[in-house]
Amino acid sequence: MPKIAFCSLLLALAAGAGFARSGGESPPARAPVKGCSWQHLSDAKVGLAAWVQQCEFDARKITFSLRGAGLVLHYSDGGDEETLVEVHALEAGESLEAGMRRLWAAGASPAEREHCKLEPYRDSTPPAGVKRYTFLPDATYAKQLEAGTDPGDIPEPPCGERGFAPDGVQYFETHPNSKVRAFLFVQAGQDEPLFDEQSLQLLGADTPAAR
């Protein structure tokens, strides 16, 4: 089972009590998983703030940190770390839409670049002032892909690794009212993640929350 899916399934456990709070941030929207507690992380160098759950399950710890490109998930018993929220800066003069298309196209095939379009992501409700997007295939390409998939099988992502994911939740996220010229790529997994996807905030050197 993928590690992101494993973390999501932990939410089926009984919820623990309380969460760690700091600096007056709005609290997370849900209770923590048993064995976990909420912590607010903020790092202006990474450019991100978020509520995360730091967890101890007997001898196993699952923890988050802000490093490198974004929000990183770490397992104490080994395995590759996973960057679940990536922060991507816009290039000079680049719009949010152009930035998302640039990042997506870098990993897309010629057919995907021809037939996939940037569309609003409609499988979740973002907080006020936030917009979410994904890449979806046009009708012709979708039919071609469907014809090549066995019934009952989970299809491959139709628009590449950063497009719509049939077996999970991932999307681009923008904060149009932010002064920070950046956008996010979020991988939330199959169910509710161990971070609060509704709490993500872009930070810059002059952002009050970053001080």
N, C-alpha and C. Protein backbone atom coordinates (compact mmCIF):
# COMPACT_ATOMS: atom_id res chain seq x y z
N MET A 1 0.85 -1.20 0.00
CA MET A 1 0.00 0.00 0.00
C MET A 1 0.88 1.24 0.00
N PRO A 2 0.60 2.25 -0.85
CA PRO A 2 1.39 3.47 -0.84
C PRO A 2 1.37 4.12 0.52
N LYS A 3 2.48 4.77 0.87
CA LYS A 3 2.56 5.37 2.21
C LYS A 3 1.55 6.48 2.39
N ILE A 4 1.26 7.25 1.32
CA ILE A 4 0.26 8.31 1.45
C ILE A 4 -1.09 7.69 1.80
N ALA A 5 -1.41 6.56 1.14
CA ALA A 5 -2.68 5.89 1.43
C ALA A 5 -2.70 5.38 2.86
N PHE A 6 -1.55 4.85 3.33
CA PHE A 6 -1.49 4.35 4.71
C PHE A 6 -1.78 5.47 5.70
N CYS A 7 -1.17 6.63 5.47
CA CYS A 7 -1.40 7.75 6.38
C CYS A 7 -2.85 8.17 6.37
N SER A 8 -3.47 8.12 5.19
CA SER A 8 -4.88 8.50 5.10
C SER A 8 -5.75 7.53 5.88
N LEU A 9 -5.43 6.24 5.80
CA LEU A 9 -6.25 5.25 6.48
C LEU A 9 -6.16 5.35 8.00
N LEU A 10 -5.11 5.99 8.49
CA LEU A 10 -5.00 6.15 9.94
C LEU A 10 -6.13 6.98 10.52
N LEU A 11 -6.77 7.77 9.68
CA LEU A 11 -7.86 8.60 10.17
C LEU A 11 -9.10 7.79 10.52
N ALA A 12 -9.11 6.52 10.18
CA ALA A 12 -10.22 5.67 10.60
C ALA A 12 -10.12 5.31 12.09
N LEU A 13 -8.95 5.57 12.69
CA LEU A 13 -8.78 5.30 14.11
C LEU A 13 -9.53 6.33 14.94
N ALA A 14 -9.73 6.05 16.19
CA ALA A 14 -10.41 7.01 17.07
C ALA A 14 -9.61 8.28 17.18
N ALA A 15 -10.31 9.42 17.23
CA ALA A 15 -9.64 10.71 17.28
C ALA A 15 -9.10 10.96 18.68
N GLY A 16 -7.93 11.57 18.75
CA GLY A 16 -7.36 11.96 20.03
C GLY A 16 -7.93 13.29 20.47
N ALA A 17 -7.46 13.76 21.60
CA ALA A 17 -8.00 14.99 22.17
C ALA A 17 -7.03 16.12 21.98
N GLY A 18 -7.55 17.28 21.59
CA GLY A 18 -6.78 18.52 21.58
C GLY A 18 -5.79 18.61 20.44
N PHE A 19 -5.07 19.74 20.37
CA PHE A 19 -4.02 19.95 19.39
C PHE A 19 -3.13 21.06 19.91
N ALA A 20 -1.90 21.08 19.39
CA ALA A 20 -0.97 22.15 19.76
C ALA A 20 -1.32 23.41 19.00
N ARG A 21 -1.30 24.53 19.67
CA ARG A 21 -1.63 25.80 19.04
C ARG A 21 -0.52 26.79 19.28
N SER A 22 -0.26 27.67 18.31
CA SER A 22 0.77 28.68 18.50
C SER A 22 0.40 29.92 17.73
N GLY A 23 0.77 31.08 18.28
CA GLY A 23 0.71 32.32 17.54
C GLY A 23 -0.65 32.81 17.15
N GLY A 24 -1.75 32.22 17.61
CA GLY A 24 -3.08 32.73 17.30
C GLY A 24 -3.62 32.30 15.96
N GLU A 25 -3.00 31.29 15.32
CA GLU A 25 -3.52 30.82 14.04
C GLU A 25 -4.88 30.16 14.24
N SER A 26 -5.72 30.19 13.22
CA SER A 26 -7.00 29.49 13.30
C SER A 26 -6.71 28.00 13.47
N PRO A 27 -7.47 27.32 14.32
CA PRO A 27 -7.19 25.90 14.59
C PRO A 27 -7.55 25.03 13.39
N PRO A 28 -7.03 23.81 13.34
CA PRO A 28 -7.39 22.88 12.27
C PRO A 28 -8.88 22.57 12.29
N ALA A 29 -9.39 22.13 11.14
CA ALA A 29 -10.82 21.92 10.99
C ALA A 29 -11.28 20.57 11.54
N ARG A 30 -10.35 19.69 11.89
CA ARG A 30 -10.73 18.37 12.37
C ARG A 30 -9.83 17.94 13.52
N ALA A 31 -10.32 16.95 14.29
CA ALA A 31 -9.55 16.43 15.41
C ALA A 31 -8.37 15.62 14.91
N PRO A 32 -7.31 15.50 15.71
CA PRO A 32 -6.17 14.69 15.28
C PRO A 32 -6.47 13.19 15.39
N VAL A 33 -5.70 12.42 14.67
CA VAL A 33 -5.75 10.96 14.78
C VAL A 33 -5.21 10.56 16.16
N LYS A 34 -5.71 9.46 16.71
CA LYS A 34 -5.17 8.95 17.97
C LYS A 34 -3.69 8.65 17.80
N GLY A 35 -2.89 9.20 18.71
CA GLY A 35 -1.44 9.05 18.62
C GLY A 35 -0.76 10.23 17.97
N CYS A 36 -1.56 11.20 17.52
CA CYS A 36 -1.03 12.38 16.84
C CYS A 36 -1.46 13.66 17.56
N SER A 37 -0.76 14.74 17.31
CA SER A 37 -1.18 16.05 17.79
C SER A 37 -0.88 17.08 16.71
N TRP A 38 -1.73 18.09 16.65
CA TRP A 38 -1.56 19.15 15.65
C TRP A 38 -0.43 20.08 16.06
N GLN A 39 0.36 20.49 15.06
CA GLN A 39 1.41 21.48 15.25
C GLN A 39 1.38 22.45 14.07
N HIS A 40 1.57 23.72 14.35
CA HIS A 40 1.61 24.70 13.26
C HIS A 40 3.05 24.95 12.86
N LEU A 41 3.36 24.71 11.57
CA LEU A 41 4.69 24.94 11.02
C LEU A 41 4.68 26.17 10.14
N SER A 42 5.77 26.92 10.17
CA SER A 42 5.87 28.14 9.38
C SER A 42 7.34 28.40 9.06
N ASP A 43 7.66 28.59 7.79
CA ASP A 43 9.04 28.84 7.40
C ASP A 43 9.06 29.74 6.16
N ALA A 44 9.54 30.96 6.35
CA ALA A 44 9.55 31.93 5.25
C ALA A 44 10.52 31.52 4.15
N LYS A 45 11.60 30.80 4.50
CA LYS A 45 12.55 30.37 3.48
C LYS A 45 11.91 29.36 2.54
N VAL A 46 11.14 28.46 3.09
CA VAL A 46 10.40 27.50 2.25
C VAL A 46 9.24 28.20 1.56
N GLY A 47 8.65 29.19 2.26
CA GLY A 47 7.54 29.95 1.69
C GLY A 47 6.18 29.39 2.01
N LEU A 48 6.08 28.67 3.16
CA LEU A 48 4.83 27.97 3.45
C LEU A 48 4.58 27.92 4.95
N ALA A 49 3.28 27.95 5.31
CA ALA A 49 2.82 27.66 6.66
C ALA A 49 1.68 26.67 6.56
N ALA A 50 1.58 25.77 7.56
CA ALA A 50 0.53 24.74 7.53
C ALA A 50 0.38 24.11 8.90
N TRP A 51 -0.82 23.62 9.18
CA TRP A 51 -1.05 22.75 10.32
C TRP A 51 -0.76 21.33 9.90
N VAL A 52 -0.01 20.59 10.75
CA VAL A 52 0.35 19.21 10.46
C VAL A 52 0.13 18.36 11.71
N GLN A 53 0.03 17.06 11.52
CA GLN A 53 -0.05 16.14 12.65
C GLN A 53 1.29 15.42 12.81
N GLN A 54 1.86 15.54 14.00
CA GLN A 54 3.08 14.80 14.35
C GLN A 54 2.63 13.58 15.15
N CYS A 55 3.05 12.38 14.73
CA CYS A 55 2.43 11.15 15.23
C CYS A 55 3.46 10.18 15.80
N GLU A 56 3.04 9.49 16.86
CA GLU A 56 3.81 8.39 17.44
C GLU A 56 2.89 7.19 17.59
N PHE A 57 3.22 6.10 16.87
CA PHE A 57 2.46 4.86 16.94
C PHE A 57 3.39 3.77 17.45
N ASP A 58 3.41 3.58 18.77
CA ASP A 58 4.34 2.65 19.40
C ASP A 58 5.77 3.04 19.00
N ALA A 59 6.45 2.16 18.28
CA ALA A 59 7.84 2.45 17.92
C ALA A 59 7.96 3.27 16.64
N ARG A 60 6.86 3.52 15.98
CA ARG A 60 6.90 4.23 14.69
C ARG A 60 6.46 5.67 14.84
N LYS A 61 7.24 6.57 14.26
CA LYS A 61 6.89 7.98 14.24
C LYS A 61 6.68 8.44 12.81
N ILE A 62 5.65 9.24 12.61
CA ILE A 62 5.39 9.87 11.32
C ILE A 62 5.36 11.37 11.56
N THR A 63 6.29 12.07 10.95
CA THR A 63 6.45 13.50 11.26
C THR A 63 6.57 14.32 9.99
N PHE A 64 6.24 15.61 10.13
CA PHE A 64 6.34 16.56 9.03
C PHE A 64 7.40 17.62 9.36
N SER A 65 7.98 18.17 8.30
CA SER A 65 8.85 19.33 8.45
C SER A 65 8.75 20.17 7.17
N LEU A 66 9.16 21.42 7.29
CA LEU A 66 9.23 22.30 6.13
C LEU A 66 10.70 22.40 5.72
N ARG A 67 10.99 21.83 4.56
CA ARG A 67 12.37 21.80 4.07
C ARG A 67 12.37 21.82 2.55
N GLY A 68 13.41 22.36 1.98
CA GLY A 68 13.58 22.30 0.54
C GLY A 68 12.42 22.91 -0.21
N ALA A 69 11.72 22.06 -0.97
CA ALA A 69 10.65 22.56 -1.85
C ALA A 69 9.31 22.71 -1.16
N GLY A 70 9.16 22.23 0.11
CA GLY A 70 7.84 22.35 0.71
C GLY A 70 7.66 21.53 1.97
N LEU A 71 6.48 20.90 2.09
CA LEU A 71 6.09 20.15 3.28
C LEU A 71 6.47 18.69 3.08
N VAL A 72 7.37 18.20 3.94
CA VAL A 72 7.98 16.88 3.78
C VAL A 72 7.47 15.93 4.86
N LEU A 73 7.07 14.72 4.44
CA LEU A 73 6.61 13.67 5.35
C LEU A 73 7.75 12.68 5.55
N HIS A 74 8.02 12.34 6.84
CA HIS A 74 9.13 11.46 7.18
C HIS A 74 8.63 10.28 8.02
N TYR A 75 9.19 9.08 7.76
CA TYR A 75 8.85 7.87 8.50
C TYR A 75 10.07 7.42 9.29
N SER A 76 9.91 7.19 10.58
CA SER A 76 11.05 6.82 11.41
C SER A 76 11.60 5.44 11.10
N ASP A 77 10.78 4.57 10.49
CA ASP A 77 11.23 3.21 10.21
C ASP A 77 11.76 3.05 8.79
N GLY A 78 12.14 4.16 8.19
CA GLY A 78 12.78 4.09 6.88
C GLY A 78 11.83 4.39 5.74
N GLY A 79 12.36 4.27 4.54
CA GLY A 79 11.58 4.60 3.36
C GLY A 79 11.84 6.02 2.91
N ASP A 80 11.49 6.28 1.68
CA ASP A 80 11.73 7.60 1.11
C ASP A 80 10.82 8.65 1.74
N GLU A 81 11.39 9.82 2.00
CA GLU A 81 10.56 10.94 2.41
C GLU A 81 9.70 11.39 1.24
N GLU A 82 8.57 12.02 1.54
CA GLU A 82 7.65 12.46 0.50
C GLU A 82 7.35 13.94 0.69
N THR A 83 7.51 14.70 -0.36
CA THR A 83 7.11 16.11 -0.34
C THR A 83 5.67 16.18 -0.80
N LEU A 84 4.76 16.43 0.13
CA LEU A 84 3.33 16.38 -0.17
C LEU A 84 2.76 17.73 -0.61
N VAL A 85 3.41 18.81 -0.23
CA VAL A 85 3.02 20.14 -0.69
C VAL A 85 4.27 20.83 -1.23
N GLU A 86 4.28 21.15 -2.51
CA GLU A 86 5.41 21.79 -3.15
C GLU A 86 5.11 23.28 -3.36
N VAL A 87 6.10 24.12 -3.10
CA VAL A 87 5.99 25.56 -3.35
C VAL A 87 6.78 25.87 -4.62
N HIS A 88 6.13 26.51 -5.58
CA HIS A 88 6.79 26.83 -6.85
C HIS A 88 6.68 28.32 -7.12
N ALA A 89 7.82 28.96 -7.26
CA ALA A 89 7.85 30.39 -7.53
C ALA A 89 7.52 30.66 -9.00
N LEU A 90 6.84 31.77 -9.22
CA LEU A 90 6.58 32.21 -10.60
C LEU A 90 7.83 32.86 -11.18
N GLU A 91 7.98 32.74 -12.48
CA GLU A 91 9.05 33.43 -13.17
C GLU A 91 8.67 34.89 -13.39
N ALA A 92 9.64 35.70 -13.76
CA ALA A 92 9.39 37.13 -13.95
C ALA A 92 8.29 37.36 -14.97
N GLY A 93 7.27 38.13 -14.58
CA GLY A 93 6.18 38.46 -15.49
C GLY A 93 5.21 37.33 -15.76
N GLU A 94 5.37 36.20 -15.10
CA GLU A 94 4.54 35.03 -15.38
C GLU A 94 3.25 35.07 -14.56
N SER A 95 2.13 34.71 -15.19
CA SER A 95 0.87 34.61 -14.48
C SER A 95 0.78 33.28 -13.75
N LEU A 96 -0.19 33.18 -12.82
CA LEU A 96 -0.38 31.92 -12.12
C LEU A 96 -0.72 30.79 -13.08
N GLU A 97 -1.60 31.07 -14.04
CA GLU A 97 -2.00 30.04 -15.00
C GLU A 97 -0.80 29.59 -15.84
N ALA A 98 0.02 30.54 -16.27
CA ALA A 98 1.19 30.19 -17.07
C ALA A 98 2.19 29.38 -16.26
N GLY A 99 2.35 29.73 -14.97
CA GLY A 99 3.26 28.98 -14.12
C GLY A 99 2.82 27.54 -13.93
N MET A 100 1.53 27.34 -13.69
CA MET A 100 1.03 25.97 -13.53
C MET A 100 1.20 25.18 -14.82
N ARG A 101 0.91 25.80 -15.96
CA ARG A 101 1.06 25.10 -17.24
C ARG A 101 2.53 24.75 -17.49
N ARG A 102 3.43 25.66 -17.14
CA ARG A 102 4.86 25.39 -17.34
C ARG A 102 5.32 24.18 -16.53
N LEU A 103 4.96 24.15 -15.25
CA LEU A 103 5.38 23.04 -14.40
C LEU A 103 4.77 21.73 -14.87
N TRP A 104 3.48 21.75 -15.20
CA TRP A 104 2.81 20.54 -15.66
C TRP A 104 3.41 20.04 -16.97
N ALA A 105 3.63 20.93 -17.92
CA ALA A 105 4.09 20.54 -19.25
C ALA A 105 5.48 19.91 -19.21
N ALA A 106 6.28 20.27 -18.21
CA ALA A 106 7.64 19.73 -18.13
C ALA A 106 7.64 18.22 -17.95
N GLY A 107 6.58 17.65 -17.39
CA GLY A 107 6.50 16.21 -17.20
C GLY A 107 5.44 15.53 -18.03
N ALA A 108 4.85 16.24 -18.96
CA ALA A 108 3.75 15.70 -19.77
C ALA A 108 4.26 15.20 -21.12
N SER A 109 3.56 14.22 -21.67
CA SER A 109 3.90 13.69 -22.99
C SER A 109 3.35 14.63 -24.07
N PRO A 110 3.82 14.47 -25.32
CA PRO A 110 3.26 15.30 -26.40
C PRO A 110 1.74 15.16 -26.52
N ALA A 111 1.21 13.93 -26.39
CA ALA A 111 -0.24 13.74 -26.48
C ALA A 111 -0.96 14.45 -25.34
N GLU A 112 -0.38 14.38 -24.13
CA GLU A 112 -0.99 15.06 -22.98
C GLU A 112 -0.96 16.57 -23.16
N ARG A 113 0.14 17.08 -23.66
CA ARG A 113 0.22 18.54 -23.88
C ARG A 113 -0.78 19.00 -24.94
N GLU A 114 -1.10 18.13 -25.88
CA GLU A 114 -2.05 18.49 -26.94
C GLU A 114 -3.49 18.40 -26.46
N HIS A 115 -3.80 17.41 -25.62
CA HIS A 115 -5.20 17.10 -25.32
C HIS A 115 -5.66 17.44 -23.90
N CYS A 116 -4.76 17.85 -23.01
CA CYS A 116 -5.14 18.14 -21.63
C CYS A 116 -5.18 19.64 -21.38
N LYS A 117 -6.17 20.08 -20.65
CA LYS A 117 -6.38 21.50 -20.40
C LYS A 117 -6.46 21.77 -18.90
N LEU A 118 -6.02 22.96 -18.52
CA LEU A 118 -6.12 23.41 -17.14
C LEU A 118 -7.57 23.76 -16.82
N GLU A 119 -8.11 23.09 -15.78
CA GLU A 119 -9.51 23.28 -15.41
C GLU A 119 -9.61 23.44 -13.89
N PRO A 120 -10.68 24.08 -13.40
CA PRO A 120 -10.89 24.12 -11.94
C PRO A 120 -11.01 22.71 -11.37
N TYR A 121 -10.43 22.50 -10.20
CA TYR A 121 -10.54 21.22 -9.51
C TYR A 121 -11.82 21.24 -8.68
N ARG A 122 -12.74 20.35 -8.98
CA ARG A 122 -14.09 20.42 -8.41
C ARG A 122 -14.36 19.33 -7.36
N ASP A 123 -13.36 18.53 -7.01
CA ASP A 123 -13.60 17.43 -6.06
C ASP A 123 -13.33 17.84 -4.62
N SER A 124 -13.10 19.11 -4.37
CA SER A 124 -12.95 19.60 -3.00
C SER A 124 -13.35 21.07 -2.98
N THR A 125 -13.64 21.56 -1.79
CA THR A 125 -14.02 22.96 -1.62
C THR A 125 -12.89 23.71 -0.94
N PRO A 126 -12.23 24.62 -1.63
CA PRO A 126 -11.12 25.34 -1.00
C PRO A 126 -11.62 26.41 -0.05
N PRO A 127 -10.76 26.87 0.85
CA PRO A 127 -11.15 27.99 1.71
C PRO A 127 -11.30 29.28 0.91
N ALA A 128 -11.91 30.26 1.52
CA ALA A 128 -12.12 31.54 0.84
C ALA A 128 -10.80 32.13 0.37
N GLY A 129 -10.81 32.67 -0.84
CA GLY A 129 -9.62 33.31 -1.39
C GLY A 129 -8.63 32.36 -2.02
N VAL A 130 -8.95 31.07 -2.06
CA VAL A 130 -8.05 30.06 -2.62
C VAL A 130 -8.72 29.40 -3.82
N LYS A 131 -7.94 29.10 -4.85
CA LYS A 131 -8.46 28.41 -6.02
C LYS A 131 -7.62 27.17 -6.29
N ARG A 132 -8.28 26.10 -6.73
CA ARG A 132 -7.60 24.84 -7.03
C ARG A 132 -7.86 24.43 -8.47
N TYR A 133 -6.84 23.82 -9.08
CA TYR A 133 -6.91 23.47 -10.49
C TYR A 133 -6.32 22.08 -10.72
N THR A 134 -6.69 21.50 -11.85
CA THR A 134 -6.08 20.27 -12.30
C THR A 134 -6.04 20.27 -13.83
N PHE A 135 -5.40 19.26 -14.40
CA PHE A 135 -5.39 19.11 -15.85
C PHE A 135 -6.25 17.90 -16.21
N LEU A 136 -7.22 18.13 -17.12
CA LEU A 136 -8.17 17.11 -17.53
C LEU A 136 -8.08 16.89 -19.04
N PRO A 137 -8.34 15.66 -19.50
CA PRO A 137 -8.30 15.39 -20.93
C PRO A 137 -9.54 15.90 -21.64
N ASP A 138 -9.39 16.23 -22.92
CA ASP A 138 -10.57 16.57 -23.70
C ASP A 138 -11.36 15.29 -24.00
N ALA A 139 -12.56 15.44 -24.55
CA ALA A 139 -13.46 14.30 -24.72
C ALA A 139 -12.85 13.22 -25.62
N THR A 140 -12.20 13.63 -26.71
CA THR A 140 -11.62 12.67 -27.65
C THR A 140 -10.52 11.84 -26.99
N TYR A 141 -9.64 12.51 -26.27
CA TYR A 141 -8.53 11.82 -25.62
C TYR A 141 -9.04 10.92 -24.50
N ALA A 142 -10.04 11.39 -23.77
CA ALA A 142 -10.61 10.58 -22.69
C ALA A 142 -11.19 9.28 -23.23
N LYS A 143 -11.86 9.34 -24.37
CA LYS A 143 -12.42 8.12 -24.97
C LYS A 143 -11.32 7.17 -25.42
N GLN A 144 -10.24 7.70 -25.98
CA GLN A 144 -9.12 6.86 -26.38
C GLN A 144 -8.52 6.12 -25.19
N LEU A 145 -8.34 6.85 -24.10
CA LEU A 145 -7.76 6.24 -22.90
C LEU A 145 -8.70 5.20 -22.30
N GLU A 146 -10.00 5.50 -22.30
CA GLU A 146 -10.98 4.57 -21.75
C GLU A 146 -11.01 3.27 -22.54
N ALA A 147 -10.87 3.38 -23.85
CA ALA A 147 -10.90 2.19 -24.70
C ALA A 147 -9.72 1.27 -24.42
N GLY A 148 -8.62 1.82 -23.94
CA GLY A 148 -7.44 1.01 -23.68
C GLY A 148 -7.32 0.54 -22.24
N THR A 149 -8.35 0.74 -21.43
CA THR A 149 -8.32 0.35 -20.02
C THR A 149 -9.29 -0.79 -19.78
N ASP A 150 -8.83 -1.84 -19.11
CA ASP A 150 -9.70 -2.97 -18.80
C ASP A 150 -10.76 -2.55 -17.78
N PRO A 151 -12.01 -2.99 -17.96
CA PRO A 151 -13.07 -2.65 -16.99
C PRO A 151 -12.69 -3.12 -15.59
N GLY A 152 -12.91 -2.28 -14.62
CA GLY A 152 -12.60 -2.61 -13.24
C GLY A 152 -11.21 -2.19 -12.81
N ASP A 153 -10.32 -1.91 -13.76
CA ASP A 153 -8.98 -1.45 -13.41
C ASP A 153 -8.99 0.04 -13.11
N ILE A 154 -8.12 0.45 -12.21
CA ILE A 154 -7.94 1.89 -11.96
C ILE A 154 -7.10 2.44 -13.10
N PRO A 155 -7.61 3.41 -13.83
CA PRO A 155 -6.86 3.91 -14.98
C PRO A 155 -5.63 4.70 -14.56
N GLU A 156 -4.67 4.79 -15.46
CA GLU A 156 -3.50 5.63 -15.24
C GLU A 156 -3.94 7.10 -15.27
N PRO A 157 -3.20 7.96 -14.60
CA PRO A 157 -3.54 9.39 -14.69
C PRO A 157 -3.59 9.84 -16.15
N PRO A 158 -4.69 10.42 -16.60
CA PRO A 158 -4.86 10.72 -18.02
C PRO A 158 -4.01 11.88 -18.51
N CYS A 159 -3.52 12.71 -17.59
CA CYS A 159 -2.78 13.91 -18.01
C CYS A 159 -1.43 14.02 -17.32
N GLY A 160 -0.80 12.88 -17.07
CA GLY A 160 0.55 12.89 -16.52
C GLY A 160 0.57 12.93 -15.01
N GLU A 161 1.80 12.95 -14.48
CA GLU A 161 1.99 12.80 -13.04
C GLU A 161 1.47 13.99 -12.24
N ARG A 162 1.31 15.14 -12.86
CA ARG A 162 0.79 16.31 -12.15
C ARG A 162 -0.62 16.68 -12.61
N GLY A 163 -1.28 15.79 -13.33
CA GLY A 163 -2.65 16.02 -13.73
C GLY A 163 -3.62 15.34 -12.79
N PHE A 164 -4.85 15.19 -13.23
CA PHE A 164 -5.88 14.55 -12.42
C PHE A 164 -5.46 13.12 -12.06
N ALA A 165 -5.66 12.73 -10.78
CA ALA A 165 -5.30 11.39 -10.32
C ALA A 165 -6.56 10.60 -10.03
N PRO A 166 -6.85 9.54 -10.80
CA PRO A 166 -8.08 8.76 -10.58
C PRO A 166 -8.13 8.07 -9.23
N ASP A 167 -6.98 7.76 -8.63
CA ASP A 167 -6.96 6.99 -7.39
C ASP A 167 -6.54 7.81 -6.18
N GLY A 168 -6.61 9.12 -6.26
CA GLY A 168 -6.22 9.96 -5.14
C GLY A 168 -6.58 11.41 -5.37
N VAL A 169 -6.10 12.25 -4.47
CA VAL A 169 -6.40 13.68 -4.53
C VAL A 169 -5.09 14.44 -4.70
N GLN A 170 -4.97 15.16 -5.79
CA GLN A 170 -3.85 16.06 -5.99
C GLN A 170 -4.30 17.19 -6.90
N TYR A 171 -3.73 18.36 -6.68
CA TYR A 171 -4.17 19.53 -7.43
C TYR A 171 -3.16 20.66 -7.27
N PHE A 172 -3.26 21.62 -8.17
CA PHE A 172 -2.55 22.88 -8.02
C PHE A 172 -3.41 23.81 -7.17
N GLU A 173 -2.77 24.62 -6.37
CA GLU A 173 -3.49 25.58 -5.54
C GLU A 173 -2.88 26.96 -5.68
N THR A 174 -3.75 27.94 -5.87
CA THR A 174 -3.28 29.33 -5.98
C THR A 174 -3.96 30.19 -4.92
N HIS A 175 -3.26 31.25 -4.54
CA HIS A 175 -3.77 32.23 -3.57
C HIS A 175 -3.70 33.59 -4.28
N PRO A 176 -4.68 33.90 -5.12
CA PRO A 176 -4.62 35.09 -5.97
C PRO A 176 -4.45 36.40 -5.22
N ASN A 177 -4.91 36.45 -3.98
CA ASN A 177 -4.80 37.70 -3.21
C ASN A 177 -3.48 37.83 -2.47
N SER A 178 -2.65 36.81 -2.52
CA SER A 178 -1.36 36.86 -1.84
C SER A 178 -0.37 37.73 -2.61
N LYS A 179 0.50 38.40 -1.88
CA LYS A 179 1.57 39.17 -2.50
C LYS A 179 2.74 38.28 -2.90
N VAL A 180 2.73 37.04 -2.44
CA VAL A 180 3.80 36.10 -2.75
C VAL A 180 3.57 35.52 -4.15
N ARG A 181 4.56 35.66 -5.02
CA ARG A 181 4.42 35.19 -6.40
C ARG A 181 4.82 33.71 -6.48
N ALA A 182 3.87 32.88 -6.10
CA ALA A 182 4.11 31.44 -6.08
C ALA A 182 2.78 30.71 -6.12
N PHE A 183 2.84 29.42 -6.36
CA PHE A 183 1.66 28.55 -6.30
C PHE A 183 2.09 27.23 -5.69
N LEU A 184 1.11 26.38 -5.37
CA LEU A 184 1.38 25.11 -4.71
C LEU A 184 0.95 23.94 -5.59
N PHE A 185 1.64 22.83 -5.41
CA PHE A 185 1.15 21.54 -5.91
C PHE A 185 0.95 20.65 -4.70
N VAL A 186 -0.28 20.17 -4.50
CA VAL A 186 -0.67 19.47 -3.28
C VAL A 186 -1.01 18.02 -3.60
N GLN A 187 -0.43 17.07 -2.84
CA GLN A 187 -0.77 15.66 -2.93
C GLN A 187 -1.39 15.24 -1.59
N ALA A 188 -2.71 15.15 -1.57
CA ALA A 188 -3.43 14.87 -0.32
C ALA A 188 -3.70 13.38 -0.12
N GLY A 189 -3.44 12.54 -1.11
CA GLY A 189 -3.65 11.10 -0.95
C GLY A 189 -5.06 10.66 -1.28
N GLN A 190 -5.50 9.57 -0.65
CA GLN A 190 -6.79 8.98 -0.98
C GLN A 190 -7.92 9.42 -0.05
N ASP A 191 -7.60 9.80 1.16
CA ASP A 191 -8.61 10.25 2.12
C ASP A 191 -8.09 11.53 2.78
N GLU A 192 -8.54 11.80 4.00
CA GLU A 192 -8.04 12.99 4.67
C GLU A 192 -6.57 12.81 5.03
N PRO A 193 -5.74 13.77 4.68
CA PRO A 193 -4.31 13.64 4.95
C PRO A 193 -3.97 13.99 6.40
N LEU A 194 -2.73 13.75 6.78
CA LEU A 194 -2.26 14.08 8.12
C LEU A 194 -1.82 15.53 8.23
N PHE A 195 -2.02 16.31 7.19
CA PHE A 195 -1.87 17.76 7.29
C PHE A 195 -3.22 18.38 6.95
N ASP A 196 -3.42 19.60 7.41
CA ASP A 196 -4.69 20.29 7.15
C ASP A 196 -4.58 21.03 5.82
N GLU A 197 -5.14 20.43 4.77
CA GLU A 197 -5.05 21.02 3.43
C GLU A 197 -5.78 22.35 3.33
N GLN A 198 -6.65 22.66 4.29
CA GLN A 198 -7.37 23.92 4.27
C GLN A 198 -6.57 25.06 4.91
N SER A 199 -5.43 24.74 5.50
CA SER A 199 -4.68 25.74 6.26
C SER A 199 -3.46 26.27 5.53
N LEU A 200 -3.18 25.81 4.34
CA LEU A 200 -1.95 26.17 3.65
C LEU A 200 -1.89 27.67 3.37
N GLN A 201 -0.74 28.25 3.66
CA GLN A 201 -0.56 29.69 3.49
C GLN A 201 0.80 29.95 2.85
N LEU A 202 0.80 30.75 1.79
CA LEU A 202 2.06 31.16 1.17
C LEU A 202 2.72 32.25 2.02
N LEU A 203 4.02 32.12 2.18
CA LEU A 203 4.77 33.10 2.96
C LEU A 203 5.88 33.73 2.12
N GLY A 204 6.13 34.99 2.42
CA GLY A 204 7.29 35.68 1.88
C GLY A 204 8.04 36.33 3.02
N ALA A 205 9.17 36.95 2.72
CA ALA A 205 9.98 37.56 3.76
C ALA A 205 9.22 38.65 4.52
N ASP A 206 8.26 39.29 3.86
CA ASP A 206 7.53 40.39 4.51
C ASP A 206 6.16 39.96 4.99
N THR A 207 5.86 38.64 4.98
CA THR A 207 4.57 38.15 5.46
C THR A 207 4.55 38.16 6.98
N PRO A 208 3.55 38.78 7.62
CA PRO A 208 3.53 38.85 9.09
C PRO A 208 3.67 37.48 9.76
N ALA A 209 3.02 36.43 9.19
CA ALA A 209 3.08 35.10 9.81
C ALA A 209 4.48 34.50 9.75
N ALA A 210 5.33 35.06 8.89
CA ALA A 210 6.67 34.50 8.74
C ALA A 210 7.66 35.12 9.72
N ARG A 211 7.28 36.16 10.40
CA ARG A 211 8.21 36.84 11.29
C ARG A 211 8.29 36.15 12.64
